[in-house]
Amino acid sequence: MNDYSSAVVLEKDSIKLWLSKADTERILKKYEDALESYRNALLIEPENFTIWSEYINTLIENKKLSRASALIDSLIFLNSNKAEMYYLKAKVYFLMKEVEKGIDMIYKGFELKPEDKFDFDFNKDWQKVIDFLIKY
């Protein structure tokens, strides 16, 4: 990690460097450090959905579901036309065992991005749903 710290000092505006550092920290389960690295990347590119998504997934991995949920709500408020935000919210709801709310979020995402829609029966096709949400 010292190599990253040295590199970041030299190239603090490098998105790739911050993301690489964050990914490494996540693998090592240093979630707070990873979140800080993602925040630094977001300072450079605040409208980059991929970085927000990774930030939120890091919160989810660290079991910070209420923080993830609140952040997703804020991002949806700022830009409600991103289906992926609704899928992330669905993931959080499912982990919080709020299945009906999770299903609603998937359907909202499908409305925004119909090409994502697939046929499934929520009573028996949970693996399809889980596989779909893992992408987000």
Foldseek 3Di string as FASTA:
>chain_A
DVVLVVVCVVPVLDLVSLQVQLVVCVVVVVLVSSLVSLVSSCVNVVPDVVSLVVNLVSCVVVVVLVVSLVVLVVVCVVPVLALLSLLSNLVSCVVVVNNVSSVVSNVSSCVSPVVLDDDDDVVPPVVVSVVSSVVD
